[in-house]
């Protein structure tokens, strides 16, 4: 599995709970983070290059794109190039949010790359056509937030969360009752977002559904309680110590990360 940086650790956390006993290789393409603020051609190139590296160097049985932007831009072409490899992507949890919302007024916090992708547009339009009641998706690009989470910059995270949640509130008025976290980095700003949006707004991310889908794709049954968990292999294309620290802080993993150059 890979992400542009440490955000995909939110998905790894769910995968470790869903598939104990499974060997995971996590690559943070931190030399190019965040993907959401790069152009589509570069994101596609990096996605294909990293996927090929993981296949050749680690003999993976499946690939999880733990990045909304990489999924939105490159998953279709990746599946075409690797038809024998099960590939699971992540995308903003719009459909679960529709089921949770009482008002039909749903905010979406995501990167510019995700929101501007054709795949996101198709997803939104499909849901709009399927729902008979009132439904609004208020989309807010969050420039800089993923990068601030990469740096573990609490001050910047707070400032940016304030800016973007205020923009959502101004656009939605009092009806906002669900907000989709459309980037795998954003669950690591959950505490700030919860304080700013309040308990009446449900925050929706995709980590648990992605983990369940991965188990289904692999045809694995949940492991028995107490199954030993081999430590994930952690790889980074820049500053592996930052990945180690993030894995320790958010997942409680004490694993050495290694620098690689796919």
C-alpha atoms as a PDB file:
ATOM      1  CA  UNK A   1       0.000   0.000   0.000  1.00  0.00           C
ATOM      2  CA  UNK A   2       1.116   3.555  -0.499  1.00  0.00           C
ATOM      3  CA  UNK A   3       0.210   7.195  -0.131  1.00  0.00           C
ATOM      4  CA  UNK A   4       1.963  10.418  -1.006  1.00  0.00           C
ATOM      5  CA  UNK A   5       2.999  10.616   2.647  1.00  0.00           C
ATOM      6  CA  UNK A   6       1.842   9.639   6.119  1.00  0.00           C
ATOM      7  CA  UNK A   7      -1.903  10.096   5.550  1.00  0.00           C
ATOM      8  CA  UNK A   8      -2.397   6.516   4.396  1.00  0.00           C
ATOM      9  CA  UNK A   9      -1.439   5.384   7.884  1.00  0.00           C
ATOM     10  CA  UNK A  10      -5.101   6.022   8.738  1.00  0.00           C
ATOM     11  CA  UNK A  11      -5.965   3.243   6.283  1.00  0.00           C
ATOM     12  CA  UNK A  12      -3.147   1.020   7.540  1.00  0.00           C
ATOM     13  CA  UNK A  13      -4.558   1.364  11.057  1.00  0.00           C
ATOM     14  CA  UNK A  14      -7.892  -0.036   9.849  1.00  0.00           C
ATOM     15  CA  UNK A  15      -6.201  -2.779   7.818  1.00  0.00           C
ATOM     16  CA  UNK A  16      -4.178  -3.948  10.823  1.00  0.00           C
ATOM     17  CA  UNK A  17      -7.415  -4.286  12.790  1.00  0.00           C
ATOM     18  CA  UNK A  18      -9.286  -6.017   9.957  1.00  0.00           C
ATOM     19  CA  UNK A  19      -6.490  -8.325   8.779  1.00  0.00           C
ATOM     20  CA  UNK A  20      -4.274  -9.283  11.716  1.00  0.00           C
ATOM     21  CA  UNK A  21      -1.557 -11.664  10.672  1.00  0.00           C
ATOM     22  CA  UNK A  22      -1.236 -10.100   7.217  1.00  0.00           C
ATOM     23  CA  UNK A  23       2.097  -8.717   6.081  1.00  0.00           C
ATOM     24  CA  UNK A  24       1.858  -5.083   4.997  1.00  0.00           C
ATOM     25  CA  UNK A  25       4.364  -2.982   3.094  1.00  0.00           C
ATOM     26  CA  UNK A  26       3.662   0.750   3.437  1.00  0.00           C
ATOM     27  CA  UNK A  27       5.402   3.234   1.163  1.00  0.00           C
ATOM     28  CA  UNK A  28       5.205   6.984   1.753  1.00  0.00           C
ATOM     29  CA  UNK A  29       6.117   8.815  -1.446  1.00  0.00           C
ATOM     30  CA  UNK A  30       7.080  11.779   0.711  1.00  0.00           C
ATOM     31  CA  UNK A  31       9.518  13.238  -1.818  1.00  0.00           C
ATOM     32  CA  UNK A  32       6.434  14.106  -3.878  1.00  0.00           C
ATOM     33  CA  UNK A  33       3.906  14.835  -1.105  1.00  0.00           C
ATOM     34  CA  UNK A  34       1.204  15.937  -1.225  1.00  0.00           C
ATOM     35  CA  UNK A  35      -0.182  14.480  -4.439  1.00  0.00           C
ATOM     36  CA  UNK A  36      -3.346  16.568  -4.147  1.00  0.00           C
ATOM     37  CA  UNK A  37      -1.508  19.748  -5.104  1.00  0.00           C
ATOM     38  CA  UNK A  38       0.391  18.277  -8.092  1.00  0.00           C
ATOM     39  CA  UNK A  39      -0.823  18.015 -11.663  1.00  0.00           C
ATOM     40  CA  UNK A  40      -2.610  14.885 -12.818  1.00  0.00           C
ATOM     41  CA  UNK A  41       0.149  13.700 -15.160  1.00  0.00           C
ATOM     42  CA  UNK A  42       2.740  13.692 -12.392  1.00  0.00           C
ATOM     43  CA  UNK A  43       0.417  11.914  -9.953  1.00  0.00           C
ATOM     44  CA  UNK A  44      -0.304   9.243 -12.561  1.00  0.00           C
ATOM     45  CA  UNK A  45       3.393   8.785 -13.299  1.00  0.00           C
ATOM     46  CA  UNK A  46       4.296   8.416  -9.626  1.00  0.00           C
ATOM     47  CA  UNK A  47       1.404   6.017  -8.984  1.00  0.00           C
ATOM     48  CA  UNK A  48       2.482   3.695 -11.798  1.00  0.00           C
ATOM     49  CA  UNK A  49       6.135   3.890 -10.807  1.00  0.00           C
ATOM     50  CA  UNK A  50       5.529   3.112  -7.137  1.00  0.00           C
ATOM     51  CA  UNK A  51       3.125   0.275  -7.966  1.00  0.00           C
ATOM     52  CA  UNK A  52       5.683  -1.335 -10.273  1.00  0.00           C
ATOM     53  CA  UNK A  53       8.366  -0.996  -7.594  1.00  0.00           C
ATOM     54  CA  UNK A  54       6.206  -2.658  -4.937  1.00  0.00           C
ATOM     55  CA  UNK A  55       5.453  -5.571  -7.265  1.00  0.00           C
ATOM     56  CA  UNK A  56       9.075  -6.136  -8.227  1.00  0.00           C
ATOM     57  CA  UNK A  57      10.758  -5.496  -4.891  1.00  0.00           C
ATOM     58  CA  UNK A  58       8.184  -6.937  -2.474  1.00  0.00           C
ATOM     59  CA  UNK A  59       6.141  -9.512  -4.441  1.00  0.00           C
ATOM     60  CA  UNK A  60       2.850  -8.068  -3.207  1.00  0.00           C
ATOM     61  CA  UNK A  61      -0.400 -10.025  -3.523  1.00  0.00           C
ATOM     62  CA  UNK A  62      -2.611  -6.918  -3.622  1.00  0.00           C
ATOM     63  CA  UNK A  63      -2.255  -3.159  -3.693  1.00  0.00           C
ATOM     64  CA  UNK A  64      -4.150  -0.557  -1.688  1.00  0.00           C
ATOM     65  CA  UNK A  65      -3.985   2.983  -3.037  1.00  0.00           C
ATOM     66  CA  UNK A  66      -4.296   4.738   0.307  1.00  0.00           C
ATOM     67  CA  UNK A  67      -4.598   8.117  -1.397  1.00  0.00           C
ATOM     68  CA  UNK A  68      -7.779   9.716  -2.704  1.00  0.00           C
ATOM     69  CA  UNK A  69      -5.942  11.722  -5.348  1.00  0.00           C
ATOM     70  CA  UNK A  70      -3.994   8.740  -6.717  1.00  0.00           C
ATOM     71  CA  UNK A  71      -7.202   6.714  -6.817  1.00  0.00           C
ATOM     72  CA  UNK A  72      -9.151   9.461  -8.575  1.00  0.00           C
ATOM     73  CA  UNK A  73      -6.491  10.053 -11.210  1.00  0.00           C
ATOM     74  CA  UNK A  74      -4.762   6.741 -11.817  1.00  0.00           C
ATOM     75  CA  UNK A  75      -6.618   3.661 -10.574  1.00  0.00           C
ATOM     76  CA  UNK A  76      -8.292   2.878 -13.914  1.00  0.00           C
ATOM     77  CA  UNK A  77      -5.040   2.984 -15.886  1.00  0.00           C
ATOM     78  CA  UNK A  78      -3.254   1.101 -13.117  1.00  0.00           C
ATOM     79  CA  UNK A  79      -5.780  -1.730 -13.257  1.00  0.00           C
ATOM     80  CA  UNK A  80      -5.375  -1.844 -17.022  1.00  0.00           C
ATOM     81  CA  UNK A  81      -1.586  -2.161 -16.724  1.00  0.00           C
ATOM     82  CA  UNK A  82      -1.773  -4.744 -13.890  1.00  0.00           C
ATOM     83  CA  UNK A  83      -4.837  -6.901 -14.676  1.00  0.00           C
ATOM     84  CA  UNK A  84      -3.583  -9.766 -12.504  1.00  0.00           C
ATOM     85  CA  UNK A  85      -3.147  -7.645  -9.371  1.00  0.00           C
ATOM     86  CA  UNK A  86      -6.075  -6.941  -7.016  1.00  0.00           C
ATOM     87  CA  UNK A  87      -6.124  -3.163  -6.527  1.00  0.00           C
ATOM     88  CA  UNK A  88      -8.255  -1.383  -3.926  1.00  0.00           C
ATOM     89  CA  UNK A  89      -8.587   2.381  -3.992  1.00  0.00           C
ATOM     90  CA  UNK A  90     -10.048   4.987  -1.701  1.00  0.00           C
ATOM     91  CA  UNK A  91     -12.514   7.653  -2.656  1.00  0.00           C
ATOM     92  CA  UNK A  92     -14.528  10.204  -0.670  1.00  0.00           C
ATOM     93  CA  UNK A  93     -17.273   8.433   1.295  1.00  0.00           C
ATOM     94  CA  UNK A  94     -20.161  10.305  -0.298  1.00  0.00           C
ATOM     95  CA  UNK A  95     -22.583   7.375  -0.299  1.00  0.00           C
ATOM     96  CA  UNK A  96     -22.122   6.559   3.426  1.00  0.00           C
ATOM     97  CA  UNK A  97     -22.540  10.264   4.188  1.00  0.00           C
ATOM     98  CA  UNK A  98     -25.846  10.350   2.305  1.00  0.00           C
ATOM     99  CA  UNK A  99     -27.069   7.509   4.496  1.00  0.00           C
ATOM    100  CA  UNK A 100     -26.028   9.335   7.669  1.00  0.00           C
ATOM    101  CA  UNK A 101     -27.295  12.804   6.794  1.00  0.00           C
ATOM    102  CA  UNK A 102     -30.770  13.859   7.898  1.00  0.00           C
ATOM    103  CA  UNK A 103     -30.757  17.207   6.107  1.00  0.00           C
ATOM    104  CA  UNK A 104     -29.114  16.187   2.835  1.00  0.00           C
ATOM    105  CA  UNK A 105     -26.550  18.944   3.306  1.00  0.00           C
ATOM    106  CA  UNK A 106     -23.103  17.316   3.169  1.00  0.00           C
ATOM    107  CA  UNK A 107     -19.699  18.959   3.222  1.00  0.00           C
ATOM    108  CA  UNK A 108     -16.687  17.444   1.465  1.00  0.00           C
ATOM    109  CA  UNK A 109     -13.168  18.343   2.571  1.00  0.00           C
ATOM    110  CA  UNK A 110     -10.633  17.111   0.023  1.00  0.00           C
ATOM    111  CA  UNK A 111      -7.589  18.046  -1.987  1.00  0.00           C
ATOM    112  CA  UNK A 112      -7.923  20.111  -5.129  1.00  0.00           C
ATOM    113  CA  UNK A 113      -6.687  17.147  -7.181  1.00  0.00           C
ATOM    114  CA  UNK A 114      -9.478  14.914  -5.911  1.00  0.00           C
ATOM    115  CA  UNK A 115     -12.259  17.466  -6.306  1.00  0.00           C
ATOM    116  CA  UNK A 116     -11.211  18.390  -9.846  1.00  0.00           C
ATOM    117  CA  UNK A 117     -10.898  14.786 -11.038  1.00  0.00           C
ATOM    118  CA  UNK A 118     -13.419  13.311 -13.498  1.00  0.00           C
ATOM    119  CA  UNK A 119     -13.828  10.293 -11.209  1.00  0.00           C
ATOM    120  CA  UNK A 120     -15.090  12.459  -8.332  1.00  0.00           C
ATOM    121  CA  UNK A 121     -17.444  14.307 -10.668  1.00  0.00           C
ATOM    122  CA  UNK A 122     -18.940  11.018 -11.877  1.00  0.00           C
ATOM    123  CA  UNK A 123     -19.363   9.769  -8.290  1.00  0.00           C
ATOM    124  CA  UNK A 124     -21.141  12.939  -7.199  1.00  0.00           C
ATOM    125  CA  UNK A 125     -23.432  13.082 -10.227  1.00  0.00           C
ATOM    126  CA  UNK A 126     -24.368   9.421  -9.861  1.00  0.00           C
ATOM    127  CA  UNK A 127     -25.444   9.902  -6.258  1.00  0.00           C
ATOM    128  CA  UNK A 128     -27.314  13.090  -7.084  1.00  0.00           C
ATOM    129  CA  UNK A 129     -29.312  11.171  -9.686  1.00  0.00           C
ATOM    130  CA  UNK A 130     -30.101   8.298  -7.315  1.00  0.00           C
ATOM    131  CA  UNK A 131     -31.405  10.305  -4.355  1.00  0.00           C
ATOM    132  CA  UNK A 132     -34.981  11.551  -4.514  1.00  0.00           C
ATOM    133  CA  UNK A 133     -34.880  13.916  -1.544  1.00  0.00           C
ATOM    134  CA  UNK A 134     -32.931  17.154  -1.108  1.00  0.00           C
ATOM    135  CA  UNK A 135     -29.181  16.649  -1.470  1.00  0.00           C
ATOM    136  CA  UNK A 136     -26.312  19.118  -1.598  1.00  0.00           C
ATOM    137  CA  UNK A 137     -22.601  18.392  -1.679  1.00  0.00           C
ATOM    138  CA  UNK A 138     -20.575  21.426  -0.621  1.00  0.00           C
ATOM    139  CA  UNK A 139     -17.012  20.809  -1.752  1.00  0.00           C
ATOM    140  CA  UNK A 140     -14.107  22.590  -0.098  1.00  0.00           C
ATOM    141  CA  UNK A 141     -10.537  22.157  -1.310  1.00  0.00           C
ATOM    142  CA  UNK A 142      -8.092  22.229   1.589  1.00  0.00           C
ATOM    143  CA  UNK A 143      -4.828  23.506   0.148  1.00  0.00           C
ATOM    144  CA  UNK A 144      -1.960  23.057   2.581  1.00  0.00           C
ATOM    145  CA  UNK A 145      -3.746  20.865   5.127  1.00  0.00           C
ATOM    146  CA  UNK A 146      -2.205  17.552   4.052  1.00  0.00           C
ATOM    147  CA  UNK A 147       1.229  19.195   4.022  1.00  0.00           C
ATOM    148  CA  UNK A 148       0.691  20.584   7.539  1.00  0.00           C
ATOM    149  CA  UNK A 149      -0.270  17.107   8.756  1.00  0.00           C
ATOM    150  CA  UNK A 150       2.881  15.743   7.088  1.00  0.00           C
ATOM    151  CA  UNK A 151       4.927  18.244   9.119  1.00  0.00           C
ATOM    152  CA  UNK A 152       2.919  17.569  12.291  1.00  0.00           C
ATOM    153  CA  UNK A 153       2.483  21.343  12.499  1.00  0.00           C
ATOM    154  CA  UNK A 154      -0.309  21.691  15.071  1.00  0.00           C
ATOM    155  CA  UNK A 155      -0.573  25.455  14.671  1.00  0.00           C
ATOM    156  CA  UNK A 156      -0.962  25.274  10.896  1.00  0.00           C
ATOM    157  CA  UNK A 157      -3.396  22.356  11.186  1.00  0.00           C
ATOM    158  CA  UNK A 158      -5.588  24.363  13.557  1.00  0.00           C
ATOM    159  CA  UNK A 159      -5.454  27.491  11.398  1.00  0.00           C
ATOM    160  CA  UNK A 160      -6.278  25.648   8.183  1.00  0.00           C
ATOM    161  CA  UNK A 161      -9.062  23.612   9.779  1.00  0.00           C
ATOM    162  CA  UNK A 162     -10.597  26.843  11.069  1.00  0.00           C
ATOM    163  CA  UNK A 163     -10.414  28.399   7.598  1.00  0.00           C
ATOM    164  CA  UNK A 164     -11.982  25.492   5.762  1.00  0.00           C
ATOM    165  CA  UNK A 165     -14.671  24.600   8.274  1.00  0.00           C
ATOM    166  CA  UNK A 166     -15.715  28.265   8.405  1.00  0.00           C
ATOM    167  CA  UNK A 167     -16.032  28.256   4.618  1.00  0.00           C
ATOM    168  CA  UNK A 168     -18.229  25.154   4.811  1.00  0.00           C
ATOM    169  CA  UNK A 169     -20.390  26.673   7.540  1.00  0.00           C
ATOM    170  CA  UNK A 170     -20.822  29.896   5.566  1.00  0.00           C
ATOM    171  CA  UNK A 171     -21.880  27.957   2.465  1.00  0.00           C
ATOM    172  CA  UNK A 172     -24.155  25.484   4.237  1.00  0.00           C
ATOM    173  CA  UNK A 173     -25.833  27.500   6.931  1.00  0.00           C
ATOM    174  CA  UNK A 174     -27.419  25.556   9.801  1.00  0.00           C
ATOM    175  CA  UNK A 175     -28.265  22.456   7.764  1.00  0.00           C
ATOM    176  CA  UNK A 176     -24.775  20.946   7.610  1.00  0.00           C
ATOM    177  CA  UNK A 177     -24.865  17.617   9.460  1.00  0.00           C
ATOM    178  CA  UNK A 178     -22.222  15.431   7.759  1.00  0.00           C
ATOM    179  CA  UNK A 179     -18.718  16.154   6.484  1.00  0.00           C
ATOM    180  CA  UNK A 180     -16.748  13.731   4.335  1.00  0.00           C
ATOM    181  CA  UNK A 181     -13.007  13.560   4.963  1.00  0.00           C
ATOM    182  CA  UNK A 182     -11.894  13.149   1.361  1.00  0.00           C
ATOM    183  CA  UNK A 183      -8.165  12.741   2.030  1.00  0.00           C
ATOM    184  CA  UNK A 184      -6.552   9.996   4.079  1.00  0.00           C
ATOM    185  CA  UNK A 185      -4.477  12.610   5.912  1.00  0.00           C
ATOM    186  CA  UNK A 186      -7.520  14.346   7.364  1.00  0.00           C
ATOM    187  CA  UNK A 187      -8.497  11.765  10.023  1.00  0.00           C
ATOM    188  CA  UNK A 188      -5.294  12.844  11.787  1.00  0.00           C
ATOM    189  CA  UNK A 189      -6.883  16.296  12.162  1.00  0.00           C
ATOM    190  CA  UNK A 190     -10.076  14.730  13.546  1.00  0.00           C
ATOM    191  CA  UNK A 191      -9.840  16.329  16.979  1.00  0.00           C
ATOM    192  CA  UNK A 192      -9.514  19.837  15.543  1.00  0.00           C
ATOM    193  CA  UNK A 193     -12.306  19.263  13.020  1.00  0.00           C
ATOM    194  CA  UNK A 194     -14.624  17.846  15.695  1.00  0.00           C
ATOM    195  CA  UNK A 195     -14.074  20.846  17.956  1.00  0.00           C
ATOM    196  CA  UNK A 196     -14.731  23.281  15.125  1.00  0.00           C
ATOM    197  CA  UNK A 197     -17.765  21.566  13.602  1.00  0.00           C
ATOM    198  CA  UNK A 198     -19.394  20.396  16.823  1.00  0.00           C
ATOM    199  CA  UNK A 199     -21.071  17.181  17.857  1.00  0.00           C
ATOM    200  CA  UNK A 200     -24.073  17.731  15.567  1.00  0.00           C
ATOM    201  CA  UNK A 201     -21.885  17.113  12.495  1.00  0.00           C
ATOM    202  CA  UNK A 202     -20.814  13.549  11.685  1.00  0.00           C
ATOM    203  CA  UNK A 203     -17.328  13.148  10.214  1.00  0.00           C
ATOM    204  CA  UNK A 204     -17.108  10.346   7.638  1.00  0.00           C
ATOM    205  CA  UNK A 205     -13.921   8.716   6.364  1.00  0.00           C
ATOM    206  CA  UNK A 206     -13.230   5.588   4.327  1.00  0.00           C
ATOM    207  CA  UNK A 207     -10.603   3.658   6.261  1.00  0.00           C
ATOM    208  CA  UNK A 208     -12.814   0.902   7.702  1.00  0.00           C
ATOM    209  CA  UNK A 209     -14.786   0.257   4.471  1.00  0.00           C
ATOM    210  CA  UNK A 210     -11.498   0.095   2.537  1.00  0.00           C
ATOM    211  CA  UNK A 211     -10.093  -2.430   4.998  1.00  0.00           C
ATOM    212  CA  UNK A 212     -13.209  -4.581   4.712  1.00  0.00           C
ATOM    213  CA  UNK A 213     -13.113  -4.368   0.935  1.00  0.00           C
ATOM    214  CA  UNK A 214      -9.472  -5.431   0.938  1.00  0.00           C
ATOM    215  CA  UNK A 215     -10.318  -8.520   2.974  1.00  0.00           C
ATOM    216  CA  UNK A 216     -13.163  -9.352   0.569  1.00  0.00           C
ATOM    217  CA  UNK A 217     -10.918  -8.944  -2.476  1.00  0.00           C
ATOM    218  CA  UNK A 218      -8.295 -11.229  -0.975  1.00  0.00           C
ATOM    219  CA  UNK A 219     -10.910 -13.758   0.138  1.00  0.00           C
ATOM    220  CA  UNK A 220      -9.592 -13.804   3.688  1.00  0.00           C
ATOM    221  CA  UNK A 221     -11.555 -14.576   6.815  1.00  0.00           C
ATOM    222  CA  UNK A 222     -10.988 -12.428   9.903  1.00  0.00           C
ATOM    223  CA  UNK A 223      -8.150 -13.850  11.945  1.00  0.00           C
ATOM    224  CA  UNK A 224      -8.769 -15.291  15.378  1.00  0.00           C
ATOM    225  CA  UNK A 225      -8.154 -13.025  18.378  1.00  0.00           C
ATOM    226  CA  UNK A 226      -4.566 -13.151  19.537  1.00  0.00           C
ATOM    227  CA  UNK A 227      -3.130 -13.818  16.083  1.00  0.00           C
ATOM    228  CA  UNK A 228       0.424 -12.508  15.931  1.00  0.00           C
ATOM    229  CA  UNK A 229       0.900  -9.480  13.716  1.00  0.00           C
ATOM    230  CA  UNK A 230       4.136  -9.220  11.717  1.00  0.00           C
ATOM    231  CA  UNK A 231       5.294  -5.600  11.857  1.00  0.00           C
ATOM    232  CA  UNK A 232       4.584  -3.617   8.690  1.00  0.00           C
ATOM    233  CA  UNK A 233       7.507  -2.774   6.457  1.00  0.00           C
ATOM    234  CA  UNK A 234       7.792   1.020   6.338  1.00  0.00           C
ATOM    235  CA  UNK A 235       9.385   2.714   3.326  1.00  0.00           C
ATOM    236  CA  UNK A 236       9.737   6.387   2.420  1.00  0.00           C
ATOM    237  CA  UNK A 237      11.146   8.270  -0.547  1.00  0.00           C
ATOM    238  CA  UNK A 238      12.292  11.079   1.776  1.00  0.00           C
ATOM    239  CA  UNK A 239      12.826  11.503   5.526  1.00  0.00           C
ATOM    240  CA  UNK A 240      12.029   7.979   6.769  1.00  0.00           C
ATOM    241  CA  UNK A 241      12.342   9.217  10.361  1.00  0.00           C
ATOM    242  CA  UNK A 242       9.217  11.343   9.847  1.00  0.00           C
ATOM    243  CA  UNK A 243       7.308   8.219   8.785  1.00  0.00           C
ATOM    244  CA  UNK A 244       8.629   6.330  11.822  1.00  0.00           C
ATOM    245  CA  UNK A 245       7.505   9.117  14.141  1.00  0.00           C
ATOM    246  CA  UNK A 246       4.052   9.304  12.552  1.00  0.00           C
ATOM    247  CA  UNK A 247       3.606   5.522  12.767  1.00  0.00           C
ATOM    248  CA  UNK A 248       4.617   5.622  16.420  1.00  0.00           C
ATOM    249  CA  UNK A 249       2.412   8.608  17.258  1.00  0.00           C
ATOM    250  CA  UNK A 250      -0.759   7.491  15.489  1.00  0.00           C
ATOM    251  CA  UNK A 251      -0.520   3.702  15.353  1.00  0.00           C
ATOM    252  CA  UNK A 252       1.787   2.847  18.241  1.00  0.00           C
ATOM    253  CA  UNK A 253       4.172   1.107  15.836  1.00  0.00           C
ATOM    254  CA  UNK A 254       7.827   1.007  16.798  1.00  0.00           C
ATOM    255  CA  UNK A 255       9.205   0.058  13.401  1.00  0.00           C
ATOM    256  CA  UNK A 256      12.247   1.379  11.557  1.00  0.00           C
ATOM    257  CA  UNK A 257      11.507   2.967   8.195  1.00  0.00           C
ATOM    258  CA  UNK A 258      13.857   2.641   5.235  1.00  0.00           C
ATOM    259  CA  UNK A 259      14.688   5.143   2.489  1.00  0.00           C
ATOM    260  CA  UNK A 260      13.928   3.934  -1.053  1.00  0.00           C
ATOM    261  CA  UNK A 261      14.040   5.529  -4.502  1.00  0.00           C
ATOM    262  CA  UNK A 262      11.495   3.904  -6.827  1.00  0.00           C
END
